[in-house]
Protein backbone atom coordinates (compact mmCIF):
# COMPACT_ATOMS: atom_id res chain seq x y z
CA MET A 1 -50.05 -49.14 -8.71
CA LYS A 2 -49.62 -46.59 -11.48
CA PRO A 3 -46.35 -46.81 -13.44
CA ILE A 4 -43.84 -43.99 -13.03
CA TYR A 5 -42.17 -42.57 -16.16
CA ASP A 6 -38.83 -40.90 -16.79
CA ILE A 7 -39.85 -39.19 -20.00
CA HIS A 8 -36.35 -37.95 -20.90
CA CYS A 9 -33.15 -39.97 -20.47
CA HIS A 10 -30.23 -41.42 -22.46
CA VAL A 11 -28.34 -44.71 -22.39
CA PHE A 12 -25.47 -43.86 -24.75
CA ASN A 13 -22.49 -46.19 -24.49
CA LYS A 14 -18.84 -45.21 -24.86
CA ASP A 15 -19.16 -45.10 -28.66
CA VAL A 16 -21.61 -42.23 -28.41
CA VAL A 17 -20.57 -40.39 -25.27
CA ILE A 18 -17.77 -38.53 -27.01
CA ARG A 19 -20.44 -36.49 -28.75
CA ARG A 20 -21.11 -34.98 -25.36
CA LEU A 21 -17.54 -33.78 -25.17
CA VAL A 22 -18.82 -30.28 -24.50
CA ASN A 23 -20.08 -31.44 -21.07
CA ILE A 24 -16.67 -32.87 -20.16
CA VAL A 25 -14.84 -29.78 -21.35
CA GLN A 26 -17.19 -27.37 -19.58
CA SER A 27 -16.95 -29.30 -16.31
CA LEU A 28 -13.14 -29.40 -16.33
CA LEU A 29 -12.76 -25.76 -17.34
CA THR A 30 -15.14 -24.79 -14.54
CA ILE A 31 -12.90 -26.57 -12.04
CA LYS A 32 -9.83 -24.86 -13.55
CA ASP A 33 -11.48 -21.44 -13.15
CA LEU A 34 -12.54 -22.19 -9.58
CA LEU A 35 -9.00 -23.17 -8.64
CA GLU A 36 -7.71 -19.87 -9.96
CA ASN A 37 -10.13 -18.15 -7.57
CA GLU A 38 -11.45 -19.32 -4.21
CA ILE A 39 -13.04 -22.75 -3.67
CA SER A 40 -13.24 -24.88 -0.56
CA GLU A 41 -11.57 -28.26 -0.49
CA GLU A 42 -14.95 -29.91 0.17
CA ASN A 43 -16.64 -28.32 -2.84
CA LEU A 44 -13.70 -29.10 -5.10
CA LYS A 45 -13.63 -32.70 -3.93
CA TYR A 46 -17.34 -33.08 -4.72
CA LYS A 47 -16.99 -31.67 -8.24
CA ILE A 48 -14.00 -33.87 -9.06
CA GLU A 49 -15.67 -37.01 -7.72
CA LEU A 50 -18.83 -36.14 -9.64
CA ILE A 51 -16.98 -35.96 -12.97
CA LYS A 52 -15.00 -39.11 -12.23
CA ASN A 53 -18.04 -41.16 -11.22
CA THR A 54 -20.18 -39.90 -14.10
CA LEU A 55 -17.46 -40.73 -16.62
CA SER A 56 -17.22 -44.20 -15.12
CA ASP A 57 -20.99 -44.69 -15.31
CA ILE A 58 -21.22 -43.73 -18.96
CA SER A 59 -17.96 -45.23 -20.23
CA LYS A 60 -19.57 -48.64 -20.60
CA ASP A 61 -19.09 -51.07 -23.46
CA SER A 62 -22.83 -51.43 -24.04
CA SER A 63 -25.97 -49.36 -23.75
CA GLU A 64 -27.44 -52.11 -21.57
CA MET A 65 -24.72 -51.54 -19.00
CA VAL A 66 -25.53 -47.81 -18.97
CA PHE A 67 -29.22 -48.62 -18.54
CA GLU A 68 -28.37 -50.91 -15.63
CA THR A 69 -26.67 -47.95 -13.93
CA LEU A 70 -29.88 -45.92 -14.28
CA ASP A 71 -32.06 -48.85 -13.26
CA SER A 72 -30.00 -49.36 -10.09
CA VAL A 73 -31.84 -46.22 -8.94
CA TYR A 74 -35.23 -47.00 -10.50
CA LYS A 75 -35.10 -50.71 -9.53
CA GLY A 76 -37.25 -51.83 -12.45
CA LYS A 77 -40.21 -49.71 -11.30
CA VAL A 78 -39.84 -46.78 -13.71
CA VAL A 79 -40.65 -46.79 -17.43
CA VAL A 80 -37.89 -44.93 -19.29
CA THR A 81 -37.89 -43.39 -22.76
CA PRO A 82 -34.21 -43.27 -23.85
CA LEU A 83 -33.72 -40.80 -26.67
CA MET A 84 -31.45 -41.36 -29.65
CA PHE A 85 -29.09 -38.59 -30.74
CA ASP A 86 -28.37 -38.28 -34.46
CA LEU A 87 -25.30 -36.11 -34.95
CA THR A 88 -24.03 -37.66 -38.17
CA TYR A 89 -24.32 -34.22 -39.77
CA ALA A 90 -23.13 -32.25 -36.75
CA ASP A 91 -20.53 -30.66 -39.00
CA ASP A 92 -22.58 -29.94 -42.10
CA ASN A 93 -19.52 -28.41 -43.79
CA ASP A 94 -21.85 -26.26 -45.88
CA GLY A 95 -23.32 -29.33 -47.50
CA ASN A 96 -20.25 -31.22 -48.65
CA GLU A 97 -19.46 -34.80 -47.68
CA ASN A 98 -16.30 -34.53 -45.60
CA LYS A 99 -17.84 -36.70 -42.85
CA ASN A 100 -16.76 -34.31 -40.11
CA LYS A 101 -13.04 -34.77 -40.80
CA ARG A 102 -12.24 -31.14 -40.01
CA TYR A 103 -13.81 -31.27 -36.60
CA ARG A 104 -12.57 -34.75 -35.81
CA LYS A 105 -9.08 -33.25 -35.88
CA ARG A 106 -10.13 -30.35 -33.68
CA ILE A 107 -11.81 -32.62 -31.14
CA LYS A 108 -8.69 -34.77 -30.99
CA ARG A 109 -6.68 -31.63 -30.28
CA ILE A 110 -9.06 -30.55 -27.51
CA LEU A 111 -8.83 -33.97 -25.89
CA TRP A 112 -5.07 -33.81 -26.17
CA LEU A 113 -5.00 -30.34 -24.57
CA LEU A 114 -7.22 -31.55 -21.74
CA SER A 115 -5.04 -34.58 -21.03
CA THR A 116 -1.66 -32.84 -21.36
CA LEU A 117 -2.32 -29.28 -20.13
CA VAL A 118 -5.68 -28.58 -18.43
CA ILE A 119 -5.97 -31.68 -16.23
CA PRO A 120 -2.27 -31.69 -15.22
CA PHE A 121 -2.69 -28.01 -14.26
CA ILE A 122 -5.67 -28.95 -12.06
CA LYS A 123 -3.76 -31.86 -10.54
CA GLY A 124 -0.70 -29.72 -9.77
CA LYS A 125 -2.81 -26.94 -8.27
CA VAL A 126 -4.65 -29.40 -6.03
CA LYS A 127 -1.38 -30.94 -4.81
CA ARG A 128 0.10 -27.55 -3.94
CA LYS A 129 -3.03 -25.91 -2.54
CA PHE A 130 -4.70 -28.73 -0.65
CA LYS A 131 -1.98 -31.40 -0.38
CA ASN A 132 -4.63 -34.08 -0.90
CA PRO A 133 -3.15 -37.17 -2.64
CA LYS A 134 -6.50 -38.96 -2.91
CA MET A 135 -8.04 -36.05 -4.78
CA ALA A 136 -5.00 -35.98 -7.08
CA GLU A 137 -5.56 -39.67 -7.81
CA SER A 138 -9.16 -38.96 -8.81
CA ILE A 139 -7.97 -36.25 -11.19
CA GLU A 140 -5.53 -38.71 -12.73
CA GLU A 141 -8.41 -41.17 -13.27
CA ILE A 142 -10.31 -38.44 -15.13
CA ARG A 143 -7.23 -37.75 -17.27
CA GLN A 144 -6.99 -41.42 -18.19
CA LYS A 145 -10.64 -41.44 -19.28
CA VAL A 146 -9.96 -38.49 -21.56
CA VAL A 147 -6.92 -40.29 -22.98
CA ASP A 148 -9.12 -43.32 -23.65
CA PHE A 149 -11.68 -41.13 -25.42
CA ASN A 150 -8.92 -39.73 -27.61
CA LYS A 151 -7.84 -43.22 -28.61
CA LYS A 152 -11.38 -43.96 -29.77
CA PHE A 153 -10.79 -41.63 -32.69
CA GLU A 154 -8.20 -43.99 -34.10
CA LYS A 155 -10.13 -46.57 -36.09
CA LYS A 156 -8.67 -49.98 -35.37
CA SER A 157 -10.59 -52.16 -37.79
CA GLU A 158 -13.66 -52.24 -39.99
CA LYS A 159 -15.63 -53.74 -37.08
CA ASP A 160 -15.06 -50.73 -34.83
CA VAL A 161 -17.69 -47.99 -34.71
CA GLU A 162 -16.19 -44.66 -35.77
CA ILE A 163 -17.31 -41.84 -33.51
CA PHE A 164 -18.57 -39.45 -36.19
CA ASP A 165 -20.08 -41.58 -38.92
CA ASN A 166 -23.33 -43.22 -39.87
CA ALA A 167 -22.34 -46.51 -38.21
CA ASN A 168 -22.69 -44.78 -34.86
CA TYR A 169 -26.30 -43.85 -35.64
CA GLU A 170 -27.01 -47.39 -36.77
CA GLN A 171 -25.42 -48.76 -33.61
CA GLN A 172 -27.80 -46.69 -31.48
CA ILE A 173 -30.75 -48.14 -33.40
CA THR A 174 -29.46 -51.68 -32.88
CA ASP A 175 -28.83 -51.11 -29.17
CA LEU A 176 -32.22 -49.56 -28.47
CA GLU A 177 -34.14 -52.16 -30.46
CA PHE A 178 -32.39 -54.86 -28.42
CA LEU A 179 -33.23 -53.12 -25.13
CA SER A 180 -36.84 -52.50 -26.21
CA ASP A 181 -37.24 -56.22 -26.86
CA LYS A 182 -35.59 -57.30 -23.63
CA TYR A 183 -37.08 -54.83 -21.12
CA GLU A 184 -40.76 -53.93 -20.85
CA THR A 185 -39.80 -50.71 -19.08
CA ILE A 186 -37.81 -49.31 -22.03
CA LYS A 187 -39.74 -47.26 -24.62
CA PRO A 188 -37.09 -45.58 -26.84
CA PHE A 189 -37.58 -42.58 -29.14
CA PHE A 190 -36.20 -42.59 -32.70
CA SER A 191 -34.01 -39.63 -33.73
CA ILE A 192 -34.33 -38.03 -37.16
CA ASP A 193 -32.45 -35.31 -39.02
CA PRO A 194 -33.99 -34.00 -42.29
CA ARG A 195 -30.51 -33.79 -43.82
CA ARG A 196 -30.53 -37.59 -44.07
CA GLU A 197 -33.05 -37.12 -46.84
CA TYR A 198 -31.00 -34.44 -48.59
CA ARG A 199 -27.56 -35.97 -48.08
CA GLY A 200 -28.16 -39.68 -47.70
CA GLY A 201 -31.11 -40.27 -49.97
CA VAL A 202 -33.14 -41.75 -47.09
CA ASN A 203 -36.93 -41.57 -47.14
CA LEU A 204 -37.41 -40.54 -43.53
CA LEU A 205 -41.16 -40.98 -43.53
CA ALA A 206 -40.82 -44.56 -44.77
CA LEU A 207 -38.15 -45.17 -42.13
CA LEU A 208 -40.39 -43.83 -39.36
CA LYS A 209 -43.32 -45.90 -40.56
CA GLU A 210 -41.12 -48.96 -40.13
CA LYS A 211 -39.40 -48.08 -36.84
CA VAL A 212 -42.15 -46.19 -34.99
CA GLY A 213 -45.38 -47.16 -36.72
CA GLY A 214 -44.73 -50.65 -38.07
CA GLU A 215 -46.23 -53.90 -36.85
CA ASN A 216 -42.93 -54.89 -35.24
CA LYS A 217 -42.02 -51.40 -34.04
CA LYS A 218 -39.47 -51.09 -31.27
CA PHE A 219 -39.67 -47.30 -30.84
CA SER A 220 -42.47 -45.41 -29.09
CA GLY A 221 -41.83 -41.88 -30.32
CA VAL A 222 -39.65 -39.45 -32.26
CA LYS A 223 -36.75 -37.25 -31.09
CA ILE A 224 -35.88 -33.98 -32.87
CA TYR A 225 -32.79 -31.89 -32.07
CA ALA A 226 -32.95 -28.81 -34.30
CA PRO A 227 -29.79 -27.07 -32.92
CA ALA A 228 -27.82 -29.91 -34.51
CA GLY A 229 -28.17 -27.91 -37.71
CA TYR A 230 -31.65 -27.50 -39.19
CA SER A 231 -34.90 -25.57 -38.82
CA PRO A 232 -37.97 -27.00 -37.05
CA THR A 233 -39.91 -25.95 -40.17
CA ASP A 234 -37.65 -27.76 -42.62
CA PRO A 235 -39.80 -28.95 -45.59
CA VAL A 236 -39.07 -32.61 -44.80
CA LEU A 237 -40.65 -32.07 -41.39
CA MET A 238 -43.42 -29.66 -42.37
CA GLY A 239 -44.32 -31.31 -45.67
CA THR A 240 -44.77 -29.90 -49.16
CA ASP A 241 -47.39 -30.07 -51.90
CA GLU A 242 -45.56 -33.10 -53.25
CA GLN A 243 -44.62 -34.89 -50.02
CA THR A 244 -46.29 -35.66 -46.69
CA GLY A 245 -44.29 -34.24 -43.82
CA ILE A 246 -43.12 -35.96 -40.65
CA TYR A 247 -45.37 -33.80 -38.46
CA ALA A 248 -48.50 -34.61 -40.47
CA TRP A 249 -47.86 -38.34 -40.09
CA CYS A 250 -47.11 -38.04 -36.38
CA GLU A 251 -50.19 -35.91 -35.78
CA ALA A 252 -52.45 -38.36 -37.60
CA GLY A 253 -51.00 -41.36 -35.74
CA LYS A 254 -50.75 -39.60 -32.35
CA ILE A 255 -47.01 -40.31 -32.30
CA PRO A 256 -45.30 -38.41 -29.44
CA ILE A 257 -42.37 -36.16 -30.34
CA THR A 258 -39.76 -34.89 -27.89
CA VAL A 259 -37.83 -31.82 -29.02
CA HIS A 260 -34.80 -30.32 -27.30
CA ASN A 261 -35.83 -26.83 -26.23
CA SER A 262 -33.34 -24.92 -24.14
CA ASN A 263 -30.70 -22.35 -25.01
CA ALA A 264 -27.94 -24.72 -23.88
CA GLY A 265 -26.92 -28.32 -24.55
CA PHE A 266 -25.29 -29.21 -27.85
CA ALA A 267 -25.30 -27.58 -31.28
CA CYS A 268 -23.98 -27.98 -34.80
CA LEU A 269 -20.24 -27.63 -35.14
CA SER A 270 -20.36 -25.67 -38.39
CA THR A 271 -19.85 -21.94 -38.69
CA VAL A 272 -21.54 -21.86 -42.11
CA LEU A 273 -24.79 -23.78 -42.46
CA MET A 274 -27.34 -24.40 -45.21
CA VAL A 275 -30.83 -23.96 -43.77
CA ARG A 276 -34.26 -24.60 -45.27
CA GLY A 277 -37.23 -23.24 -43.34
CA HIS A 278 -37.68 -20.54 -40.71
CA VAL A 279 -34.96 -19.09 -38.52
CA ASN A 280 -34.93 -16.51 -35.73
CA LEU A 281 -32.47 -13.79 -36.81
CA ASN A 282 -32.16 -10.58 -34.80
CA ASN A 283 -35.38 -11.44 -32.98
CA ALA A 284 -37.28 -11.69 -36.28
CA VAL A 285 -38.66 -14.93 -37.74
CA LEU A 286 -37.68 -15.30 -41.39
CA GLU A 287 -38.20 -18.07 -43.93
CA ILE A 288 -35.00 -18.85 -45.83
CA ASN A 289 -33.42 -21.36 -48.16
CA LYS A 290 -29.79 -20.34 -48.04
CA ARG A 291 -26.53 -20.46 -46.12
CA ILE A 292 -26.23 -18.61 -42.84
CA THR A 293 -23.05 -17.74 -40.95
CA PHE A 294 -22.82 -17.87 -37.17
CA GLU A 295 -20.79 -15.23 -35.34
CA ASN A 296 -19.28 -17.60 -32.79
CA LYS A 297 -17.12 -20.61 -33.59
CA PHE A 298 -18.00 -23.80 -31.76
CA PHE A 299 -14.39 -24.75 -31.03
CA SER A 300 -13.25 -21.59 -29.31
CA LEU A 301 -13.25 -19.89 -25.94
CA LYS A 302 -16.80 -18.83 -26.81
CA ALA A 303 -18.22 -22.34 -27.09
CA SER A 304 -21.09 -21.53 -24.71
CA GLU A 305 -21.97 -18.43 -26.72
CA ALA A 306 -21.82 -20.51 -29.91
CA ILE A 307 -24.27 -23.05 -28.52
CA ALA A 308 -26.66 -20.32 -27.33
CA GLU A 309 -26.45 -18.54 -30.69
CA ARG A 310 -27.30 -21.67 -32.68
CA ALA A 311 -30.13 -22.50 -30.29
CA ARG A 312 -31.59 -19.00 -30.58
CA ILE A 313 -31.46 -18.99 -34.39
CA LEU A 314 -32.52 -22.59 -35.07
CA ASN A 315 -34.59 -23.67 -32.08
CA HIS A 316 -36.36 -20.75 -30.41
CA PRO A 317 -39.88 -21.54 -29.09
CA LYS A 318 -41.37 -18.99 -31.51
CA LEU A 319 -40.18 -21.25 -34.38
CA TRP A 320 -41.92 -24.23 -32.83
CA GLU A 321 -45.12 -22.27 -32.47
CA LEU A 322 -45.17 -22.05 -36.28
CA VAL A 323 -45.17 -25.85 -36.32
CA LEU A 324 -48.13 -26.03 -33.95
CA GLN A 325 -50.04 -23.37 -35.85
CA LYS A 326 -50.05 -25.75 -38.82
CA TYR A 327 -50.36 -28.95 -36.77
CA PRO A 328 -52.29 -27.93 -33.61
CA ASN A 329 -52.99 -31.52 -32.53
CA LEU A 330 -49.36 -32.59 -32.69
CA LYS A 331 -48.29 -34.46 -29.56
CA ILE A 332 -45.07 -32.68 -28.60
CA ASN A 333 -42.86 -32.33 -25.53
CA PHE A 334 -40.67 -29.22 -25.26
CA ALA A 335 -37.82 -30.82 -23.32
CA HIS A 336 -36.08 -28.96 -20.48
CA PHE A 337 -38.75 -26.20 -20.23
CA GLY A 338 -36.16 -23.79 -21.64
CA GLY A 339 -33.45 -24.88 -19.16
CA SER A 340 -33.23 -24.68 -15.38
CA GLY A 341 -31.57 -21.26 -15.50
CA GLN A 342 -34.43 -19.88 -17.60
CA ILE A 343 -36.97 -21.53 -15.30
CA LYS A 344 -35.35 -19.91 -12.27
CA GLU A 345 -35.33 -16.51 -13.97
CA TYR A 346 -39.02 -16.85 -14.90
CA VAL A 347 -40.18 -18.15 -11.52
CA ASN A 348 -38.27 -15.48 -9.57
CA TYR A 349 -38.90 -12.71 -12.13
CA THR A 350 -35.19 -11.97 -12.25
CA ILE A 351 -34.48 -8.80 -14.22
CA SER A 352 -30.92 -9.11 -15.50
CA ARG A 353 -31.01 -5.93 -17.61
CA LYS A 354 -30.20 -3.38 -14.93
CA SER A 355 -29.07 -0.80 -17.48
CA ILE A 356 -30.44 -0.23 -21.01
CA ASP A 357 -29.44 2.26 -23.67
CA ALA A 358 -32.05 5.05 -23.55
CA GLU A 359 -32.75 4.96 -27.29
CA ILE A 360 -33.21 1.17 -27.33
CA PHE A 361 -35.40 1.48 -24.25
CA GLU A 362 -37.62 4.07 -25.90
CA ASP A 363 -37.94 2.15 -29.17
CA SER A 364 -38.84 -1.09 -27.36
CA LEU A 365 -41.81 0.56 -25.66
CA LEU A 366 -43.42 1.95 -28.81
CA HIS A 367 -45.76 -0.98 -29.49
CA LEU A 368 -46.76 -1.58 -25.84
CA SER A 369 -50.04 -0.80 -24.15
CA GLU A 370 -50.18 2.37 -22.09
CA GLU A 371 -50.32 0.29 -18.92
CA ASP A 372 -47.13 -1.63 -19.82
CA LYS A 373 -45.35 1.61 -20.73
CA LYS A 374 -46.33 3.08 -17.36
CA VAL A 375 -45.10 0.00 -15.46
CA ILE A 376 -41.68 -0.05 -17.15
CA THR A 377 -40.96 3.68 -17.14
CA LYS A 378 -41.84 3.83 -13.45
CA ALA A 379 -39.25 1.13 -12.70
CA TYR A 380 -36.36 2.81 -14.56
CA LYS A 381 -34.71 6.21 -14.27
CA MET A 382 -32.44 8.10 -16.67
CA ARG A 383 -28.74 8.26 -15.87
CA ARG A 384 -26.16 9.41 -18.45
CA LYS A 385 -28.10 8.27 -21.54
CA LYS A 386 -28.91 4.99 -19.83
CA MET A 387 -32.14 3.79 -18.30
CA VAL A 388 -31.21 2.21 -14.95
CA LEU A 389 -33.43 -0.15 -12.96
CA LYS A 390 -34.48 1.22 -9.56
CA GLU A 391 -33.59 -0.81 -6.50
CA ASN A 392 -35.85 -2.43 -3.91
CA LEU A 393 -38.79 -3.39 -6.13
CA THR A 394 -41.35 -5.51 -4.31
CA THR A 395 -42.09 -9.01 -5.59
CA THR A 396 -45.37 -7.82 -7.08
CA GLU A 397 -43.75 -4.80 -8.73
CA ARG A 398 -40.91 -6.91 -10.11
CA GLY A 399 -43.37 -9.41 -11.57
CA LYS A 400 -45.31 -6.67 -13.37
CA VAL A 401 -42.11 -5.08 -14.69
CA TRP A 402 -40.71 -8.44 -15.81
CA ASN A 403 -43.83 -9.38 -17.78
CA ALA A 404 -44.08 -5.93 -19.37
CA MET A 405 -40.41 -6.13 -20.38
CA TYR A 406 -41.01 -9.59 -21.84
CA ARG A 407 -43.81 -8.19 -23.98
CA ALA A 408 -41.49 -5.34 -25.01
CA GLY A 409 -38.83 -7.79 -26.16
CA LEU A 410 -36.38 -6.57 -23.53
CA ILE A 411 -36.45 -10.02 -21.92
CA ASP A 412 -36.22 -13.21 -23.98
CA ASN A 413 -37.15 -16.04 -21.65
CA TRP A 414 -37.63 -19.50 -23.14
CA SER A 415 -39.58 -20.88 -20.16
CA LYS A 416 -42.17 -18.12 -20.46
CA ALA A 417 -42.40 -18.67 -24.24
CA ILE A 418 -42.85 -22.42 -23.81
CA PHE A 419 -45.43 -21.97 -21.07
CA ASP A 420 -47.46 -19.63 -23.30
CA ILE A 421 -47.54 -22.42 -25.89
CA ILE A 422 -48.45 -25.36 -23.65
CA LYS A 423 -51.17 -23.51 -21.75
CA ASN A 424 -52.85 -22.46 -25.01
CA PRO A 425 -56.07 -24.51 -25.32
CA ALA A 426 -55.51 -24.61 -29.09
CA TYR A 427 -52.57 -26.97 -28.47
CA GLN A 428 -54.12 -29.72 -26.37
CA ASN A 429 -51.19 -32.11 -26.84
CA ALA A 430 -48.29 -29.77 -26.05
CA PHE A 431 -46.18 -30.58 -22.97
CA THR A 432 -42.87 -29.68 -21.36
CA ASP A 433 -40.51 -31.66 -19.14
CA LEU A 434 -38.25 -30.62 -16.27
CA SER A 435 -35.31 -32.80 -17.29
CA CYS A 436 -31.73 -31.72 -16.55
CA PHE A 437 -32.79 -29.43 -13.71
CA SER A 438 -29.42 -28.51 -12.21
CA GLU A 439 -29.98 -25.43 -10.02
CA GLY A 440 -28.99 -26.31 -6.48
CA ILE A 441 -26.40 -26.32 -3.71
CA ILE A 442 -23.75 -28.63 -2.29
CA ILE A 443 -24.80 -29.96 1.11
CA SER A 444 -23.09 -32.10 3.75
CA SER A 445 -24.76 -35.09 5.37
CA PRO A 446 -24.61 -34.72 9.20
CA GLU A 447 -24.34 -38.50 9.60
CA ASP A 448 -21.28 -39.25 7.46
CA GLN A 449 -20.15 -35.75 6.37
CA LYS A 450 -20.59 -36.90 2.77
CA LEU A 451 -21.06 -34.10 0.25
CA THR A 452 -23.86 -34.15 -2.28
CA PHE A 453 -25.54 -31.73 -4.66
CA SER A 454 -29.20 -31.10 -3.94
CA ILE A 455 -31.79 -29.45 -6.18
CA LYS A 456 -34.61 -29.92 -3.68
CA GLU A 457 -34.86 -26.34 -2.39
CA GLU A 458 -34.77 -24.85 -5.88
CA LEU A 459 -37.43 -27.33 -6.99
CA LYS A 460 -39.56 -26.39 -3.98
CA THR A 461 -39.36 -22.77 -5.09
CA VAL A 462 -40.48 -23.75 -8.60
CA LYS A 463 -43.35 -25.75 -7.17
CA ARG A 464 -44.44 -23.11 -4.64
CA SER A 465 -44.00 -20.02 -6.83
CA PHE A 466 -45.09 -21.50 -10.15
CA PHE A 467 -46.56 -25.00 -10.24
CA ASP A 468 -48.96 -24.62 -7.29
CA LYS A 469 -50.47 -21.50 -8.87
CA LEU A 470 -51.36 -23.25 -12.14
CA SER A 471 -54.80 -24.43 -13.15
CA ASP A 472 -55.42 -28.17 -13.31
CA TYR A 473 -55.18 -27.98 -17.10
CA GLU A 474 -51.80 -26.22 -16.94
CA LYS A 475 -50.49 -28.68 -14.35
CA SER A 476 -51.40 -31.53 -16.71
CA LYS A 477 -48.74 -30.28 -19.15
CA ILE A 478 -45.68 -30.74 -16.89
CA LEU A 479 -43.59 -33.95 -17.09
CA TYR A 480 -40.81 -35.49 -15.01
CA GLY A 481 -37.53 -36.30 -16.76
CA SER A 482 -33.96 -36.87 -15.62
CA ASP A 483 -31.80 -36.36 -18.72
CA PHE A 484 -29.62 -39.14 -17.31
CA PHE A 485 -26.69 -39.21 -17.68
CA LEU A 486 -26.02 -35.71 -19.02
CA ALA A 487 -27.37 -33.79 -16.01
CA GLN A 488 -24.94 -35.61 -13.75
CA PHE A 489 -21.99 -33.67 -15.17
CA PHE A 490 -23.24 -30.50 -13.49
CA GLY A 491 -25.55 -31.43 -10.65
CA PRO A 492 -26.79 -34.21 -8.39
CA THR A 493 -26.25 -37.92 -8.63
CA MET A 494 -29.12 -39.82 -10.24
CA GLN A 495 -30.25 -41.10 -6.84
CA GLN A 496 -30.23 -37.58 -5.39
CA TYR A 497 -32.05 -36.21 -8.45
CA PHE A 498 -34.86 -38.76 -8.15
CA THR A 499 -35.16 -38.32 -4.38
CA ASP A 500 -35.21 -34.51 -4.60
CA PHE A 501 -37.98 -34.52 -7.22
CA LYS A 502 -40.16 -36.85 -5.16
CA GLU A 503 -39.67 -34.84 -1.98
CA ALA A 504 -40.08 -31.42 -3.60
CA PHE A 505 -43.30 -32.30 -5.46
CA GLY A 506 -44.76 -34.57 -2.77
CA LYS A 507 -48.20 -35.85 -3.70
CA ASP A 508 -47.97 -34.01 -7.04
CA PHE A 509 -45.04 -36.18 -8.13
CA GLU A 510 -47.55 -38.81 -9.25
CA LEU A 511 -49.13 -36.19 -11.51
CA ILE A 512 -45.93 -35.17 -13.29
CA ALA A 513 -44.29 -38.61 -13.28
CA SER A 514 -47.28 -40.88 -13.88
CA ASP A 515 -50.53 -39.30 -15.07
CA ASN A 516 -49.13 -36.64 -17.39
CA PRO A 517 -46.42 -38.72 -19.12
CA HIS A 518 -48.88 -41.59 -19.61
CA LYS A 519 -51.15 -39.15 -21.44
CA PHE A 520 -48.19 -37.91 -23.51
CA LEU A 521 -47.17 -41.43 -24.51
CA TYR A 522 -50.55 -43.08 -24.94
CA GLY A 523 -53.33 -40.49 -24.72
């Protein structure tokens, strides 16, 4: 029997999970917003239980215990590739060595606000609106977890791992090396950040040769997370006349690289950032070696906008295409396929720009073919200096308009950009995974009335409208991944996630979860 692979997952323990604070905050604020509007008691109960259970699953003392939670679903039959997450320099502080002290204080304040204001508000609202004491108890359990997280910021002794320091990174290495030795089904990926070479004096290539390419290697690949605060074309990665780059070594040794590639997730905390390499500013790719300033602050009401802004500037697929132009044989996985929201938009040809300034509209069409101009202008009509999308476009018409608008730059869709890269025969070793797919609905089991979140129908749409229409070569570039445990903050349980993928893809699940990832890892 062929092995099944989960090509994208995490087994962070409680010392690392606080770095995913953004997931906790977003989940709780979503519940707060829903309570201020209309939400059914059943849906609210599901969301609260989801957060509570996920926090319990990940708040383990060891990474092995987190892995055991994942393996309770996989039952030892799935090979997993847990990815490290190096955020030692998450707050670059414009290059100085403050070790994230500014943001440590801000995170402590956010945790305090959650535990003393936001969660009590939710609890009080639930008591008054639904009069459900059991649900209120669950909310109190969530509050206590947040309180415990806050306490982790208080260093008790030299033996304790501080949340935002290098010891945390080293602890991940220790944990994953231990798991790699103990379990044949664990093939971890080693995380690197080029700023370790600039700030810490570490020779990253020498480190990778030891950890990923050495005789006693414990790691099977490399993880890169550019939104954490650097360019994919940083000289340490791309190489210089004086120094071999990380990509050159990986390409020569056929070392697989997984790169975060969606416009969501996590991002650097800094507002001012020193960047070396290419960036995507105002939809133009520029090579820089200077400080840049982001418009949105990470710790603000615009946290989601801040994450999207940093992703767009530091991690856009067009930046990664520069990497592949220089290293076309690089074995690389563009994780998340741009994100489930972007996938849904691409598959359904959703046109979100219903109204466009007439001057911007006209300028965007200048470089297009006559056919594309005709398609777009036919779909829009002038109304008070605005070009407004006509209603009732057929599926075929909408698809033509969407693609023409993408070529005009009026649509920026990461899934489309990634697909254009992986289907290019010049990049034989480029892949993408479907990890953290979280588009779905809450459903009720007729047997026990238990609520669950299912992504099956949305996945069936992706398979029917996109995957089934691909050539065999294009299908060979799609990988299964869970993004455990991070996806569980917003969507299905791990068991539901795995079941939905198998049912939605049917006989093709073996292709995306066995054949393709095996090629990525070992081909």
